[in-house]
N, C-alpha and C. Protein backbone atom coordinates (compact mmCIF):
# COMPACT_ATOMS: atom_id res chain seq x y z
N UNK A 1 -4.35 21.64 -6.42
CA UNK A 1 -3.00 21.42 -6.92
C UNK A 1 -2.57 19.99 -6.59
N UNK A 2 -2.05 19.31 -7.58
CA UNK A 2 -1.61 17.93 -7.39
C UNK A 2 -0.44 17.87 -6.40
N UNK A 3 -0.40 16.83 -5.61
CA UNK A 3 0.71 16.69 -4.65
C UNK A 3 2.03 16.48 -5.37
N UNK A 4 3.09 17.01 -4.79
CA UNK A 4 4.42 16.84 -5.38
C UNK A 4 4.86 15.39 -5.22
N UNK A 5 5.87 15.02 -5.96
CA UNK A 5 6.39 13.65 -5.82
C UNK A 5 6.89 13.42 -4.40
N UNK A 6 7.48 14.45 -3.79
CA UNK A 6 7.96 14.31 -2.41
C UNK A 6 6.80 14.11 -1.43
N UNK A 7 5.70 14.81 -1.64
CA UNK A 7 4.53 14.63 -0.77
C UNK A 7 3.96 13.22 -0.92
N UNK A 8 3.95 12.71 -2.14
CA UNK A 8 3.45 11.35 -2.37
C UNK A 8 4.37 10.33 -1.70
N UNK A 9 5.66 10.55 -1.82
CA UNK A 9 6.63 9.65 -1.16
C UNK A 9 6.45 9.69 0.35
N UNK A 10 6.27 10.87 0.90
CA UNK A 10 6.11 11.01 2.35
C UNK A 10 4.85 10.30 2.84
N UNK A 11 3.76 10.38 2.07
CA UNK A 11 2.53 9.68 2.46
C UNK A 11 2.75 8.17 2.45
N UNK A 12 3.41 7.68 1.42
CA UNK A 12 3.68 6.23 1.34
C UNK A 12 4.57 5.78 2.49
N UNK A 13 5.61 6.55 2.80
CA UNK A 13 6.50 6.18 3.90
C UNK A 13 5.76 6.23 5.24
N UNK A 14 4.93 7.25 5.42
CA UNK A 14 4.17 7.35 6.67
C UNK A 14 3.24 6.16 6.84
N UNK A 15 2.68 5.68 5.73
CA UNK A 15 1.82 4.50 5.79
C UNK A 15 2.60 3.26 6.20
N UNK A 16 3.81 3.09 5.66
CA UNK A 16 4.64 1.95 6.04
C UNK A 16 5.07 2.06 7.50
N UNK A 17 5.39 3.28 7.94
CA UNK A 17 5.77 3.47 9.34
C UNK A 17 4.60 3.11 10.27
N UNK A 18 3.40 3.55 9.91
CA UNK A 18 2.22 3.22 10.72
C UNK A 18 1.98 1.72 10.73
N UNK A 19 2.18 1.05 9.58
CA UNK A 19 2.03 -0.40 9.51
C UNK A 19 3.01 -1.07 10.47
N UNK A 20 4.27 -0.66 10.40
CA UNK A 20 5.29 -1.27 11.26
C UNK A 20 5.01 -1.02 12.74
N UNK A 21 4.40 0.11 13.05
CA UNK A 21 4.05 0.43 14.44
C UNK A 21 2.75 -0.23 14.88
N UNK A 22 2.03 -0.85 13.92
CA UNK A 22 0.74 -1.46 14.25
C UNK A 22 -0.31 -0.41 14.59
N UNK A 23 -0.18 0.79 14.02
CA UNK A 23 -1.06 1.91 14.36
C UNK A 23 -2.16 2.07 13.31
N UNK A 24 -3.27 1.37 13.53
CA UNK A 24 -4.38 1.39 12.59
C UNK A 24 -4.94 2.81 12.43
N UNK A 25 -4.99 3.57 13.51
CA UNK A 25 -5.51 4.94 13.44
C UNK A 25 -4.73 5.80 12.48
N UNK A 26 -3.41 5.73 12.52
CA UNK A 26 -2.58 6.50 11.60
C UNK A 26 -2.74 6.02 10.16
N UNK A 27 -2.87 4.71 9.99
CA UNK A 27 -3.07 4.20 8.63
C UNK A 27 -4.37 4.74 8.05
N UNK A 28 -5.46 4.62 8.80
CA UNK A 28 -6.77 5.05 8.33
C UNK A 28 -6.81 6.56 8.11
N UNK A 29 -6.15 7.33 8.95
CA UNK A 29 -6.16 8.79 8.82
C UNK A 29 -5.55 9.26 7.50
N UNK A 30 -4.70 8.46 6.90
CA UNK A 30 -4.05 8.83 5.64
C UNK A 30 -4.92 8.52 4.42
N UNK A 31 -6.09 7.92 4.65
CA UNK A 31 -6.95 7.47 3.56
C UNK A 31 -8.19 8.35 3.42
N UNK A 32 -8.67 8.49 2.19
CA UNK A 32 -9.96 9.14 2.00
C UNK A 32 -11.05 8.22 2.54
N UNK A 33 -12.21 8.78 2.84
CA UNK A 33 -13.32 7.97 3.38
C UNK A 33 -13.73 6.87 2.41
N UNK A 34 -13.63 7.14 1.11
CA UNK A 34 -14.07 6.18 0.09
C UNK A 34 -12.89 5.47 -0.59
N UNK A 35 -11.77 5.33 0.12
CA UNK A 35 -10.59 4.69 -0.45
C UNK A 35 -10.94 3.36 -1.10
N UNK A 36 -10.29 3.08 -2.21
CA UNK A 36 -10.43 1.79 -2.89
C UNK A 36 -9.12 1.03 -2.68
N UNK A 37 -9.24 -0.23 -2.29
CA UNK A 37 -8.07 -1.08 -2.05
C UNK A 37 -8.18 -2.30 -2.95
N UNK A 38 -7.08 -2.63 -3.59
CA UNK A 38 -7.00 -3.81 -4.45
C UNK A 38 -5.77 -4.61 -4.05
N UNK A 39 -5.97 -5.91 -3.87
CA UNK A 39 -4.85 -6.83 -3.65
C UNK A 39 -4.90 -7.88 -4.75
N UNK A 40 -3.80 -8.03 -5.45
CA UNK A 40 -3.67 -8.95 -6.56
C UNK A 40 -4.05 -10.38 -6.15
N UNK A 41 -4.57 -11.17 -7.09
CA UNK A 41 -4.92 -12.57 -6.78
C UNK A 41 -3.76 -13.40 -6.22
N UNK A 42 -2.52 -12.97 -6.47
CA UNK A 42 -1.37 -13.70 -5.95
C UNK A 42 -1.14 -13.47 -4.46
N UNK A 43 -1.82 -12.48 -3.88
CA UNK A 43 -1.62 -12.13 -2.47
C UNK A 43 -2.60 -12.93 -1.60
N UNK A 44 -2.22 -13.17 -0.36
CA UNK A 44 -3.04 -13.96 0.55
C UNK A 44 -4.36 -13.25 0.88
N UNK A 45 -4.39 -11.95 0.80
CA UNK A 45 -5.58 -11.17 1.12
C UNK A 45 -6.15 -10.52 -0.15
N UNK A 46 -6.23 -11.30 -1.22
CA UNK A 46 -6.65 -10.81 -2.53
C UNK A 46 -8.08 -10.29 -2.50
N UNK A 47 -8.34 -9.32 -3.37
CA UNK A 47 -9.70 -8.82 -3.54
C UNK A 47 -9.76 -7.32 -3.67
N UNK A 48 -10.99 -6.82 -3.75
CA UNK A 48 -11.27 -5.39 -3.82
C UNK A 48 -12.01 -5.00 -2.56
N UNK A 49 -11.63 -3.87 -1.99
CA UNK A 49 -12.19 -3.41 -0.72
C UNK A 49 -12.49 -1.93 -0.85
N UNK A 50 -13.48 -1.44 -0.13
CA UNK A 50 -13.90 -0.04 -0.26
C UNK A 50 -14.08 0.59 1.11
N UNK A 51 -13.62 1.83 1.23
CA UNK A 51 -13.81 2.61 2.44
C UNK A 51 -12.91 2.17 3.58
N UNK A 52 -13.03 2.88 4.69
CA UNK A 52 -12.20 2.58 5.86
C UNK A 52 -12.45 1.16 6.38
N UNK A 53 -13.72 0.75 6.42
CA UNK A 53 -14.02 -0.61 6.90
C UNK A 53 -13.40 -1.66 5.99
N UNK A 54 -13.46 -1.42 4.68
CA UNK A 54 -12.85 -2.34 3.74
C UNK A 54 -11.35 -2.41 3.92
N UNK A 55 -10.72 -1.25 4.12
CA UNK A 55 -9.27 -1.23 4.35
C UNK A 55 -8.91 -2.02 5.60
N UNK A 56 -9.64 -1.79 6.69
CA UNK A 56 -9.34 -2.49 7.95
C UNK A 56 -9.51 -3.99 7.77
N UNK A 57 -10.55 -4.40 7.07
CA UNK A 57 -10.75 -5.83 6.80
C UNK A 57 -9.59 -6.40 6.00
N UNK A 58 -9.16 -5.66 4.98
CA UNK A 58 -8.06 -6.11 4.12
C UNK A 58 -6.74 -6.20 4.89
N UNK A 59 -6.38 -5.15 5.60
CA UNK A 59 -5.09 -5.13 6.28
C UNK A 59 -5.07 -6.13 7.44
N UNK A 60 -6.22 -6.33 8.07
CA UNK A 60 -6.30 -7.30 9.17
C UNK A 60 -6.09 -8.72 8.65
N UNK A 61 -6.64 -9.03 7.47
CA UNK A 61 -6.40 -10.36 6.87
C UNK A 61 -4.91 -10.57 6.63
N UNK A 62 -4.19 -9.51 6.27
CA UNK A 62 -2.75 -9.60 6.04
C UNK A 62 -2.00 -9.78 7.36
N UNK A 63 -2.28 -8.92 8.31
CA UNK A 63 -1.52 -8.96 9.56
C UNK A 63 -1.84 -10.20 10.39
N UNK A 64 -3.06 -10.72 10.27
CA UNK A 64 -3.42 -11.92 11.02
C UNK A 64 -2.66 -13.16 10.56
N UNK A 65 -2.10 -13.10 9.35
CA UNK A 65 -1.32 -14.24 8.83
C UNK A 65 0.08 -14.30 9.43
N UNK A 66 0.47 -13.27 10.17
CA UNK A 66 1.83 -13.16 10.69
C UNK A 66 1.84 -13.16 12.22
N UNK A 67 2.85 -13.81 12.79
CA UNK A 67 3.12 -13.62 14.22
C UNK A 67 3.84 -12.31 14.43
N UNK A 68 4.74 -12.00 13.50
CA UNK A 68 5.44 -10.72 13.49
C UNK A 68 5.85 -10.42 12.06
N UNK A 69 5.85 -9.13 11.72
CA UNK A 69 6.21 -8.72 10.36
C UNK A 69 6.69 -7.28 10.38
N UNK A 70 7.68 -6.99 9.55
CA UNK A 70 8.12 -5.62 9.32
C UNK A 70 8.23 -5.39 7.83
N UNK A 71 8.03 -4.14 7.44
CA UNK A 71 8.09 -3.76 6.03
C UNK A 71 9.07 -2.61 5.88
N UNK A 72 9.96 -2.72 4.91
CA UNK A 72 10.93 -1.67 4.63
C UNK A 72 10.80 -1.25 3.18
N UNK A 73 10.60 0.04 2.95
CA UNK A 73 10.53 0.55 1.58
C UNK A 73 11.94 0.53 1.00
N UNK A 74 12.06 -0.08 -0.17
CA UNK A 74 13.36 -0.18 -0.82
C UNK A 74 13.49 0.75 -2.02
N UNK A 75 12.36 1.27 -2.53
CA UNK A 75 12.41 2.17 -3.68
C UNK A 75 11.08 2.90 -3.82
N UNK A 76 11.15 4.11 -4.33
CA UNK A 76 9.97 4.91 -4.68
C UNK A 76 10.10 5.33 -6.12
N UNK A 77 8.98 5.32 -6.84
CA UNK A 77 8.94 5.87 -8.18
C UNK A 77 7.66 6.68 -8.30
N UNK A 78 7.79 7.98 -8.55
CA UNK A 78 6.62 8.83 -8.79
C UNK A 78 6.18 8.62 -10.24
N UNK A 79 4.88 8.44 -10.42
CA UNK A 79 4.31 8.24 -11.75
C UNK A 79 3.30 9.35 -11.98
N UNK A 80 3.54 10.19 -12.97
CA UNK A 80 2.61 11.26 -13.30
C UNK A 80 2.39 12.23 -12.16
N UNK A 81 1.15 12.73 -12.07
CA UNK A 81 0.81 13.76 -11.08
C UNK A 81 0.24 13.21 -9.79
N UNK A 82 -0.23 11.97 -9.77
CA UNK A 82 -0.98 11.50 -8.61
C UNK A 82 -0.50 10.19 -8.01
N UNK A 83 0.40 9.50 -8.66
CA UNK A 83 0.74 8.14 -8.23
C UNK A 83 2.17 8.03 -7.74
N UNK A 84 2.35 7.08 -6.83
CA UNK A 84 3.69 6.70 -6.41
C UNK A 84 3.69 5.19 -6.25
N UNK A 85 4.74 4.56 -6.72
CA UNK A 85 4.92 3.12 -6.57
C UNK A 85 6.03 2.91 -5.54
N UNK A 86 5.76 2.07 -4.57
CA UNK A 86 6.80 1.74 -3.59
C UNK A 86 7.12 0.26 -3.71
N UNK A 87 8.38 -0.03 -3.72
CA UNK A 87 8.85 -1.42 -3.62
C UNK A 87 9.13 -1.66 -2.15
N UNK A 88 8.69 -2.80 -1.66
CA UNK A 88 8.76 -3.08 -0.23
C UNK A 88 9.34 -4.48 -0.01
N UNK A 89 10.16 -4.58 1.00
CA UNK A 89 10.67 -5.88 1.44
C UNK A 89 10.06 -6.16 2.80
N UNK A 90 9.36 -7.30 2.91
CA UNK A 90 8.76 -7.68 4.18
C UNK A 90 9.43 -8.93 4.70
N UNK A 91 9.65 -8.94 6.00
CA UNK A 91 10.20 -10.11 6.67
C UNK A 91 9.39 -10.35 7.93
N UNK A 92 9.29 -11.61 8.28
CA UNK A 92 8.59 -11.92 9.51
C UNK A 92 8.44 -13.41 9.70
N UNK A 93 7.62 -13.73 10.67
CA UNK A 93 7.34 -15.13 10.99
C UNK A 93 5.84 -15.33 10.86
N UNK A 94 5.47 -16.28 10.01
CA UNK A 94 4.07 -16.61 9.81
C UNK A 94 3.49 -17.30 11.03
N UNK A 95 2.19 -17.44 11.05
CA UNK A 95 1.50 -18.07 12.20
C UNK A 95 2.00 -19.47 12.50
N UNK A 96 2.49 -20.17 11.51
CA UNK A 96 3.02 -21.51 11.73
C UNK A 96 4.47 -21.52 12.17
N UNK A 97 5.04 -20.33 12.39
CA UNK A 97 6.43 -20.23 12.81
C UNK A 97 7.43 -20.21 11.69
N UNK A 98 6.95 -20.25 10.45
CA UNK A 98 7.84 -20.25 9.29
C UNK A 98 8.34 -18.84 9.01
N UNK A 99 9.67 -18.71 8.86
CA UNK A 99 10.25 -17.41 8.50
C UNK A 99 9.93 -17.10 7.04
N UNK A 100 9.52 -15.88 6.79
CA UNK A 100 9.15 -15.46 5.45
C UNK A 100 9.88 -14.16 5.11
N UNK A 101 10.40 -14.10 3.91
CA UNK A 101 11.03 -12.89 3.39
C UNK A 101 10.50 -12.72 1.97
N UNK A 102 9.93 -11.56 1.68
CA UNK A 102 9.32 -11.38 0.37
C UNK A 102 9.40 -9.93 -0.08
N UNK A 103 9.41 -9.76 -1.40
CA UNK A 103 9.34 -8.44 -2.00
C UNK A 103 7.98 -8.28 -2.64
N UNK A 104 7.43 -7.09 -2.53
CA UNK A 104 6.16 -6.77 -3.14
C UNK A 104 6.13 -5.29 -3.44
N UNK A 105 5.04 -4.81 -4.03
CA UNK A 105 4.97 -3.40 -4.40
C UNK A 105 3.57 -2.87 -4.15
N UNK A 106 3.50 -1.57 -3.94
CA UNK A 106 2.24 -0.88 -3.72
C UNK A 106 2.11 0.27 -4.70
N UNK A 107 0.87 0.53 -5.09
CA UNK A 107 0.51 1.73 -5.83
C UNK A 107 -0.32 2.59 -4.90
N UNK A 108 0.04 3.85 -4.75
CA UNK A 108 -0.74 4.81 -3.99
C UNK A 108 -1.19 5.91 -4.94
N UNK A 109 -2.48 6.21 -4.95
CA UNK A 109 -3.00 7.36 -5.67
C UNK A 109 -3.33 8.42 -4.63
N UNK A 110 -2.78 9.60 -4.80
CA UNK A 110 -2.87 10.63 -3.77
C UNK A 110 -3.70 11.81 -4.29
N UNK A 111 -4.65 12.25 -3.46
CA UNK A 111 -5.53 13.37 -3.81
C UNK A 111 -4.81 14.70 -3.63
N UNK A 112 -5.46 15.76 -4.10
CA UNK A 112 -4.92 17.11 -3.92
C UNK A 112 -4.77 17.45 -2.44
N UNK A 113 -5.59 16.83 -1.59
CA UNK A 113 -5.54 17.07 -0.15
C UNK A 113 -4.46 16.24 0.54
N UNK A 114 -3.75 15.41 -0.22
CA UNK A 114 -2.65 14.64 0.34
C UNK A 114 -3.07 13.37 1.05
N UNK A 115 -4.23 12.83 0.68
CA UNK A 115 -4.68 11.57 1.26
C UNK A 115 -4.74 10.51 0.16
N UNK A 116 -4.64 9.27 0.56
CA UNK A 116 -4.64 8.15 -0.38
C UNK A 116 -6.08 7.78 -0.73
N UNK A 117 -6.40 7.81 -2.03
CA UNK A 117 -7.75 7.44 -2.49
C UNK A 117 -7.77 6.05 -3.14
N UNK A 118 -6.60 5.53 -3.48
CA UNK A 118 -6.49 4.21 -4.09
C UNK A 118 -5.19 3.59 -3.64
N UNK A 119 -5.26 2.32 -3.28
CA UNK A 119 -4.11 1.58 -2.81
C UNK A 119 -4.17 0.18 -3.41
N UNK A 120 -3.08 -0.24 -4.01
CA UNK A 120 -3.03 -1.58 -4.58
C UNK A 120 -1.76 -2.28 -4.11
N UNK A 121 -1.88 -3.57 -3.82
CA UNK A 121 -0.73 -4.40 -3.44
C UNK A 121 -0.54 -5.45 -4.53
N UNK A 122 0.66 -5.46 -5.09
CA UNK A 122 0.97 -6.36 -6.21
C UNK A 122 2.27 -7.09 -5.94
N UNK A 123 2.48 -8.23 -6.60
CA UNK A 123 3.68 -9.02 -6.32
C UNK A 123 4.98 -8.43 -6.85
N UNK A 124 4.91 -7.56 -7.87
CA UNK A 124 6.16 -7.02 -8.42
C UNK A 124 6.05 -5.51 -8.67
N UNK A 125 7.19 -4.85 -8.64
CA UNK A 125 7.24 -3.42 -8.94
C UNK A 125 6.86 -3.15 -10.39
N UNK A 126 7.19 -4.07 -11.30
CA UNK A 126 6.85 -3.88 -12.71
C UNK A 126 5.34 -3.84 -12.88
N UNK A 127 4.62 -4.75 -12.23
CA UNK A 127 3.16 -4.74 -12.31
C UNK A 127 2.60 -3.46 -11.69
N UNK A 128 3.18 -3.03 -10.60
CA UNK A 128 2.71 -1.81 -9.94
C UNK A 128 2.93 -0.59 -10.83
N UNK A 129 4.07 -0.52 -11.46
CA UNK A 129 4.34 0.62 -12.36
C UNK A 129 3.35 0.65 -13.52
N UNK A 130 3.11 -0.53 -14.11
CA UNK A 130 2.15 -0.61 -15.22
C UNK A 130 0.77 -0.13 -14.77
N UNK A 131 0.34 -0.59 -13.59
CA UNK A 131 -0.97 -0.20 -13.09
C UNK A 131 -1.01 1.32 -12.86
N UNK A 132 0.01 1.88 -12.25
CA UNK A 132 0.05 3.32 -11.97
C UNK A 132 0.02 4.11 -13.28
N UNK A 133 0.77 3.67 -14.28
CA UNK A 133 0.79 4.36 -15.57
C UNK A 133 -0.58 4.31 -16.24
N UNK A 134 -1.25 3.14 -16.18
CA UNK A 134 -2.59 3.02 -16.77
C UNK A 134 -3.58 3.92 -16.04
N UNK A 135 -3.53 3.94 -14.72
CA UNK A 135 -4.45 4.78 -13.95
C UNK A 135 -4.18 6.26 -14.21
N UNK A 136 -2.92 6.62 -14.34
CA UNK A 136 -2.55 8.01 -14.60
C UNK A 136 -3.08 8.42 -15.98
N UNK A 137 -2.95 7.54 -16.97
CA UNK A 137 -3.42 7.84 -18.33
C UNK A 137 -4.95 8.01 -18.39
N UNK A 138 -5.65 7.25 -17.52
CA UNK A 138 -7.11 7.35 -17.46
C UNK A 138 -7.56 8.68 -16.87
N UNK A 139 -6.67 9.33 -16.12
CA UNK A 139 -6.98 10.64 -15.53
C UNK A 139 -7.64 10.50 -14.25
């Protein structure tokens, strides 16, 4: 049975909470073993990554760019049966001491078991919605 929109939202929020807590174990526990991660070319940690090791490599490249960072979910949109798009506002201080404030979006694809099998980071919620709709249409 496909996860409800509320279950998808809860998984996305739990992932952001784990990120803010710096809890890699909680982040990885929410992912399937073969999770696929995509970061848009506009992001500092752009590329495609696979599995838990790929996720850790990807998220570490992101967190290593910051001295401190927090992420707050500003919106959720459930797309079809398996996807949720989250709009996120991140603030922090980069390694050079520069204050940064940015908006970005994530696509989460959630399995029947309630784990994330696909995660994408994109610069805008519009791009994330388009991607989620295309993935949902592909089945």
